[in-house]
C-alpha atoms as a PDB file:
ATOM      1  CA  MET A   1      11.644   9.057 -11.325  1.00  0.00           C
ATOM      2  CA  GLY A   2      12.270   7.494  -7.989  1.00  0.00           C
ATOM      3  CA  ARG A   3      10.232   5.263  -5.742  1.00  0.00           C
ATOM      4  CA  THR A   4       8.935   8.240  -3.772  1.00  0.00           C
ATOM      5  CA  LEU A   5       5.942  10.370  -4.595  1.00  0.00           C
ATOM      6  CA  SER A   6       6.490  13.614  -6.492  1.00  0.00           C
ATOM      7  CA  VAL A   7       3.678  16.181  -6.179  1.00  0.00           C
ATOM      8  CA  THR A   8       3.767  19.384  -8.219  1.00  0.00           C
ATOM      9  CA  LYS A   9       1.384  22.133  -9.300  1.00  0.00           C
ATOM     10  CA  ALA A  10       0.703  22.624 -12.996  1.00  0.00           C
ATOM     11  CA  GLY A  11      -0.924  25.864 -14.051  1.00  0.00           C
ATOM     12  CA  ASP A  12      -3.621  27.219 -11.736  1.00  0.00           C
ATOM     13  CA  LEU A  13      -5.868  24.158 -11.577  1.00  0.00           C
ATOM     14  CA  GLU A  14      -3.800  20.964 -11.617  1.00  0.00           C
ATOM     15  CA  ILE A  15      -1.847  18.716  -9.297  1.00  0.00           C
ATOM     16  CA  VAL A  16       0.551  16.222 -10.909  1.00  0.00           C
ATOM     17  CA  MET A  17       1.581  13.165  -8.871  1.00  0.00           C
ATOM     18  CA  THR A  18       4.261  10.747 -10.072  1.00  0.00           C
ATOM     19  CA  ARG A  19       5.654   7.566  -8.547  1.00  0.00           C
ATOM     20  CA  SER A  20       7.399   4.461  -9.927  1.00  0.00           C
ATOM     21  CA  PHE A  21       6.673   0.884  -8.869  1.00  0.00           C
ATOM     22  CA  ASP A  22       8.659  -2.321  -9.310  1.00  0.00           C
ATOM     23  CA  ALA A  23       5.778  -4.107 -11.018  1.00  0.00           C
ATOM     24  CA  PRO A  24       4.278  -4.544 -14.470  1.00  0.00           C
ATOM     25  CA  ARG A  25       1.680  -1.920 -15.326  1.00  0.00           C
ATOM     26  CA  VAL A  26      -1.094  -4.507 -15.628  1.00  0.00           C
ATOM     27  CA  LEU A  27      -0.629  -5.241 -11.897  1.00  0.00           C
ATOM     28  CA  VAL A  28      -0.651  -1.539 -11.027  1.00  0.00           C
ATOM     29  CA  PHE A  29      -3.782  -1.040 -13.142  1.00  0.00           C
ATOM     30  CA  ASP A  30      -5.489  -3.983 -11.425  1.00  0.00           C
ATOM     31  CA  ALA A  31      -4.545  -2.546  -8.016  1.00  0.00           C
ATOM     32  CA  TRP A  32      -6.511   0.613  -8.976  1.00  0.00           C
ATOM     33  CA  THR A  33      -9.539  -1.182 -10.383  1.00  0.00           C
ATOM     34  CA  LYS A  34     -10.231  -4.319  -8.317  1.00  0.00           C
ATOM     35  CA  PRO A  35     -11.951  -3.740  -4.959  1.00  0.00           C
ATOM     36  CA  GLU A  36     -10.093  -6.538  -3.171  1.00  0.00           C
ATOM     37  CA  LEU A  37      -6.788  -4.921  -4.167  1.00  0.00           C
ATOM     38  CA  VAL A  38      -7.842  -1.293  -3.538  1.00  0.00           C
ATOM     39  CA  ARG A  39      -8.757  -2.283   0.031  1.00  0.00           C
ATOM     40  CA  ARG A  40      -5.152  -3.402   0.608  1.00  0.00           C
ATOM     41  CA  TRP A  41      -3.486  -0.086  -0.161  1.00  0.00           C
ATOM     42  CA  PHE A  42      -5.744   2.929  -0.622  1.00  0.00           C
ATOM     43  CA  GLY A  43      -5.361   5.835   1.789  1.00  0.00           C
ATOM     44  CA  PRO A  44      -3.027   6.815   4.609  1.00  0.00           C
ATOM     45  CA  ARG A  45      -1.676   4.166   6.981  1.00  0.00           C
ATOM     46  CA  ASP A  46      -3.969   5.217   9.835  1.00  0.00           C
ATOM     47  CA  TRP A  47      -7.144   4.920   7.724  1.00  0.00           C
ATOM     48  CA  GLU A  48      -9.045   1.767   6.698  1.00  0.00           C
ATOM     49  CA  VAL A  49     -11.090   1.294   3.535  1.00  0.00           C
ATOM     50  CA  VAL A  50     -14.479   0.171   4.895  1.00  0.00           C
ATOM     51  CA  GLU A  51     -16.411   0.444   1.629  1.00  0.00           C
ATOM     52  CA  CYS A  52     -15.092  -0.057  -1.891  1.00  0.00           C
ATOM     53  CA  GLU A  53     -17.384  -0.251  -4.905  1.00  0.00           C
ATOM     54  CA  ILE A  54     -16.064  -0.270  -8.461  1.00  0.00           C
ATOM     55  CA  ASP A  55     -18.166  -0.531 -11.622  1.00  0.00           C
ATOM     56  CA  LEU A  56     -15.308  -0.567 -14.135  1.00  0.00           C
ATOM     57  CA  ARG A  57     -16.931   0.673 -17.340  1.00  0.00           C
ATOM     58  CA  VAL A  58     -17.263   4.068 -18.976  1.00  0.00           C
ATOM     59  CA  GLY A  59     -20.100   5.733 -17.071  1.00  0.00           C
ATOM     60  CA  GLY A  60     -19.618   3.322 -14.167  1.00  0.00           C
ATOM     61  CA  ARG A  61     -19.159   4.657 -10.648  1.00  0.00           C
ATOM     62  CA  TRP A  62     -16.538   4.065  -8.006  1.00  0.00           C
ATOM     63  CA  ARG A  63     -16.912   4.878  -4.331  1.00  0.00           C
ATOM     64  CA  TYR A  64     -14.515   4.476  -1.398  1.00  0.00           C
ATOM     65  CA  ARG A  65     -15.354   5.174   2.226  1.00  0.00           C
ATOM     66  CA  LEU A  66     -12.417   5.313   4.626  1.00  0.00           C
ATOM     67  CA  HIS A  67     -12.558   5.252   8.403  1.00  0.00           C
ATOM     68  CA  HIS A  68     -10.047   6.529  10.949  1.00  0.00           C
ATOM     69  CA  GLY A  69      -9.763   5.106  14.463  1.00  0.00           C
ATOM     70  CA  ASP A  70     -10.854   8.436  15.974  1.00  0.00           C
ATOM     71  CA  GLY A  71     -14.222   8.211  14.212  1.00  0.00           C
ATOM     72  CA  LYS A  72     -13.506  10.433  11.202  1.00  0.00           C
ATOM     73  CA  GLU A  73     -14.702   9.270   7.816  1.00  0.00           C
ATOM     74  CA  MET A  74     -13.698  10.229   4.295  1.00  0.00           C
ATOM     75  CA  LEU A  75     -15.784   9.554   1.185  1.00  0.00           C
ATOM     76  CA  LEU A  76     -14.256   9.586  -2.282  1.00  0.00           C
ATOM     77  CA  GLN A  77     -16.290   8.856  -5.382  1.00  0.00           C
ATOM     78  CA  GLY A  78     -16.320   9.311  -9.116  1.00  0.00           C
ATOM     79  CA  VAL A  79     -17.544   8.260 -12.532  1.00  0.00           C
ATOM     80  CA  TYR A  80     -15.260   6.639 -15.112  1.00  0.00           C
ATOM     81  CA  GLN A  81     -14.892   8.729 -18.265  1.00  0.00           C
ATOM     82  CA  GLU A  82     -12.282   6.637 -20.079  1.00  0.00           C
ATOM     83  CA  ILE A  83     -10.777   3.184 -19.527  1.00  0.00           C
ATOM     84  CA  ASP A  84      -7.825   1.946 -21.575  1.00  0.00           C
ATOM     85  CA  ARG A  85      -6.480  -1.091 -19.713  1.00  0.00           C
ATOM     86  CA  PRO A  86      -3.660  -1.218 -18.637  1.00  0.00           C
ATOM     87  CA  GLU A  87      -2.499   2.226 -19.701  1.00  0.00           C
ATOM     88  CA  ARG A  88      -5.000   4.928 -18.787  1.00  0.00           C
ATOM     89  CA  LEU A  89      -7.930   5.604 -16.486  1.00  0.00           C
ATOM     90  CA  VAL A  90      -9.902   8.873 -16.420  1.00  0.00           C
ATOM     91  CA  SER A  91     -12.609   9.670 -13.896  1.00  0.00           C
ATOM     92  CA  LEU A  92     -14.643  12.651 -12.807  1.00  0.00           C
ATOM     93  CA  GLU A  93     -14.339  12.790  -9.031  1.00  0.00           C
ATOM     94  CA  THR A  94     -16.839  14.446  -6.733  1.00  0.00           C
ATOM     95  CA  ASN A  95     -15.928  15.743  -3.303  1.00  0.00           C
ATOM     96  CA  GLU A  96     -18.611  16.076  -0.667  1.00  0.00           C
ATOM     97  CA  GLY A  97     -18.941  19.479   0.909  1.00  0.00           C
ATOM     98  CA  CYS A  98     -18.059  21.497  -2.213  1.00  0.00           C
ATOM     99  CA  ASP A  99     -20.505  23.262  -4.471  1.00  0.00           C
ATOM    100  CA  ALA A 100     -21.122  21.588  -7.835  1.00  0.00           C
ATOM    101  CA  SER A 101     -19.101  24.065  -9.893  1.00  0.00           C
ATOM    102  CA  GLU A 102     -15.937  23.571  -7.846  1.00  0.00           C
ATOM    103  CA  GLY A 103     -16.529  20.180  -6.241  1.00  0.00           C
ATOM    104  CA  GLN A 104     -15.541  18.068  -9.220  1.00  0.00           C
ATOM    105  CA  ALA A 105     -12.072  17.172 -10.383  1.00  0.00           C
ATOM    106  CA  LEU A 106     -10.967  15.344 -13.521  1.00  0.00           C
ATOM    107  CA  ALA A 107      -8.358  12.710 -12.621  1.00  0.00           C
ATOM    108  CA  THR A 108      -6.247  11.165 -15.378  1.00  0.00           C
ATOM    109  CA  LEU A 109      -4.093   8.165 -14.448  1.00  0.00           C
ATOM    110  CA  THR A 110      -1.387   7.099 -16.903  1.00  0.00           C
ATOM    111  CA  LEU A 111       0.843   4.035 -16.506  1.00  0.00           C
ATOM    112  CA  VAL A 112       4.070   3.618 -18.497  1.00  0.00           C
ATOM    113  CA  GLU A 113       6.150   0.445 -18.120  1.00  0.00           C
ATOM    114  CA  ARG A 114       9.861   0.075 -18.899  1.00  0.00           C
ATOM    115  CA  ASP A 115      11.898  -2.987 -17.958  1.00  0.00           C
ATOM    116  CA  GLY A 116       9.370  -4.151 -15.372  1.00  0.00           C
ATOM    117  CA  VAL A 117       9.117  -0.742 -13.681  1.00  0.00           C
ATOM    118  CA  THR A 118       5.844   1.137 -14.006  1.00  0.00           C
ATOM    119  CA  THR A 119       5.719   4.902 -13.697  1.00  0.00           C
ATOM    120  CA  LEU A 120       2.340   6.144 -12.556  1.00  0.00           C
ATOM    121  CA  THR A 121       1.358   9.729 -13.315  1.00  0.00           C
ATOM    122  CA  GLN A 122      -1.909  11.119 -12.064  1.00  0.00           C
ATOM    123  CA  VAL A 123      -3.006  14.580 -13.142  1.00  0.00           C
ATOM    124  CA  VAL A 124      -5.953  15.987 -11.200  1.00  0.00           C
ATOM    125  CA  ARG A 125      -7.633  19.103 -12.606  1.00  0.00           C
ATOM    126  CA  TYR A 126      -9.788  20.995 -10.115  1.00  0.00           C
ATOM    127  CA  GLY A 127     -12.626  23.459 -10.718  1.00  0.00           C
ATOM    128  CA  SER A 128     -10.717  26.352  -9.172  1.00  0.00           C
ATOM    129  CA  LYS A 129      -7.285  27.353  -7.906  1.00  0.00           C
ATOM    130  CA  ARG A 130      -8.797  27.778  -4.440  1.00  0.00           C
ATOM    131  CA  ILE A 131      -9.955  24.138  -4.307  1.00  0.00           C
ATOM    132  CA  ARG A 132      -6.666  22.857  -5.784  1.00  0.00           C
ATOM    133  CA  ASP A 133      -4.671  24.762  -3.164  1.00  0.00           C
ATOM    134  CA  ALA A 134      -7.009  23.638  -0.353  1.00  0.00           C
ATOM    135  CA  VAL A 135      -6.448  20.015  -1.416  1.00  0.00           C
ATOM    136  CA  LEU A 136      -2.676  20.525  -1.316  1.00  0.00           C
ATOM    137  CA  GLU A 137      -2.907  22.113   2.145  1.00  0.00           C
ATOM    138  CA  SER A 138      -5.150  19.325   3.487  1.00  0.00           C
ATOM    139  CA  GLY A 139      -2.339  16.806   3.978  1.00  0.00           C
ATOM    140  CA  MET A 140      -3.177  15.073   0.701  1.00  0.00           C
ATOM    141  CA  GLU A 141       0.496  14.628  -0.176  1.00  0.00           C
ATOM    142  CA  ARG A 142       1.180  12.646   3.022  1.00  0.00           C
ATOM    143  CA  GLY A 143      -1.951  10.536   2.563  1.00  0.00           C
ATOM    144  CA  VAL A 144      -1.296   9.753  -1.095  1.00  0.00           C
ATOM    145  CA  GLY A 145       2.386   9.088  -0.351  1.00  0.00           C
ATOM    146  CA  GLU A 146       1.522   6.597   2.394  1.00  0.00           C
ATOM    147  CA  GLY A 147      -1.093   4.973   0.171  1.00  0.00           C
ATOM    148  CA  PHE A 148       1.409   4.604  -2.677  1.00  0.00           C
ATOM    149  CA  ASP A 149       3.938   3.114  -0.234  1.00  0.00           C
ATOM    150  CA  LYS A 150       1.255   0.590   0.771  1.00  0.00           C
ATOM    151  CA  LEU A 151       0.550  -0.057  -2.919  1.00  0.00           C
ATOM    152  CA  ALA A 152       4.226  -0.872  -3.527  1.00  0.00           C
ATOM    153  CA  GLU A 153       4.236  -3.175  -0.481  1.00  0.00           C
ATOM    154  CA  SER A 154       1.004  -4.910  -1.521  1.00  0.00           C
ATOM    155  CA  MET A 155       2.331  -5.639  -5.021  1.00  0.00           C
ATOM    156  CA  ALA A 156       5.366  -7.301  -3.426  1.00  0.00           C
ATOM    157  CA  THR A 157       3.017  -9.547  -1.407  1.00  0.00           C
ATOM    158  CA  PRO A 158       0.854 -11.933  -3.432  1.00  0.00           C
ATOM    159  CA  VAL A 159      -2.891 -11.971  -2.818  1.00  0.00           C
ATOM    160  CA  GLU A 160      -3.850 -15.156  -1.017  1.00  0.00           C
ATOM    161  CA  ALA A 161      -6.472 -17.239  -2.780  1.00  0.00           C
END
């Protein structure tokens, strides 16, 4: 795996995203689960995280609100189903604007470290093929790719105390 994002379809319902980072997996895990770190990298380059709430426990909620300079907003939220630090994170994500049967996706994040390089794999299982394909067509790959690039950059820059 390279240092660029790989996005593939799996079956009719899943998207699989893979990217490697030059960092220990505990740092990558923390970047996904600590609000002050999520704010540094999450989302496309032209979006800003204006709200980031994380209640890191099984049954706890997370919620990110992003803002674009042209006034658009994006809300992402979910409930943690499984937490196995620093290896695995599973959450049930809810997308606004979708009906309940299709509007949820199960996202499973797995981190594997070898020789200081962490490979992140995120499998997102949607409620229907239609929603999965709509997500792929929405520009998600560009947004996630830019966010992961920012994640790599932020891990190379220490957080100031």
